Amino acid sequence: MVSPKDSVDLRARDRDWIALIKNIAAGDQTAVGAFYDATSRLVYSLVLRVLSDPSTAEEVTLDVYTQVWRQAAKYNAARGTPIAWLLTIARTRALDRLRAGWQEQQRREPLEVVDQTVSKTENPEEATALSERQRFVRAALSSLSPEQLEAIELAYYSGLSHSEIALRLGEPLGTVKTRIRLGMIKLRDQLKPILEGP
């Protein structure tokens, strides 16, 4: 049962988080960092419960805050608390990743099964679009600072946790998290044309 003091604390926390979400919607990157620091444990715990893989859970947690950055302006306090909104995003992202993992497993079926499926070879238009997307991604990656790029590569390509990256680079954990977070935000801004489509 929630005591009156706890209820007051929760309302104060919600007010603080609503203010952060408004600042995020206004483009304040420090607000993203503060919101991440205040809520990422809850998000990570939920995502880990769904995915049961720490490395993937960390990756999805970063995806959640990228989505928060993009959709903060759509948050409506009348429709729910900040934590309910955030955990809904986290649960959806985790389930999407879980389904993607299942699809990956389907792709690894024996050759006899694959032989019976219809070919999905790209047509020239799809190949051109893919090549254009790859060019955008390479340009976006080259816009990152060397430190951001190294941290993101270790997280996404080597599958290292934030703690492992901090240990390998000899940097504080908070510095590593900030580099990855700001790098991902920069990538999202650079890749806006292909993420949002025409």
Foldseek 3Di string as FASTA:
>chain_A
DQDPVNVVVVVVVLVVLLVLLVVLQVVDPVSLVVNCVVCLVVLLVLLCVLQVDNLVSQVLSLVLSLVSSVCSVVDDVVVHTPVVVSNVSSNVSSVVVVVVVVVVVVVPDDPVVVVPDDDDDDDPVVVVVVVVLVVLQVVLLVPADPLLNVLQCCSPVVSDDLVVSCVVVVHDSSVSVSSPNVSVNSSCVSNVCVVVDD
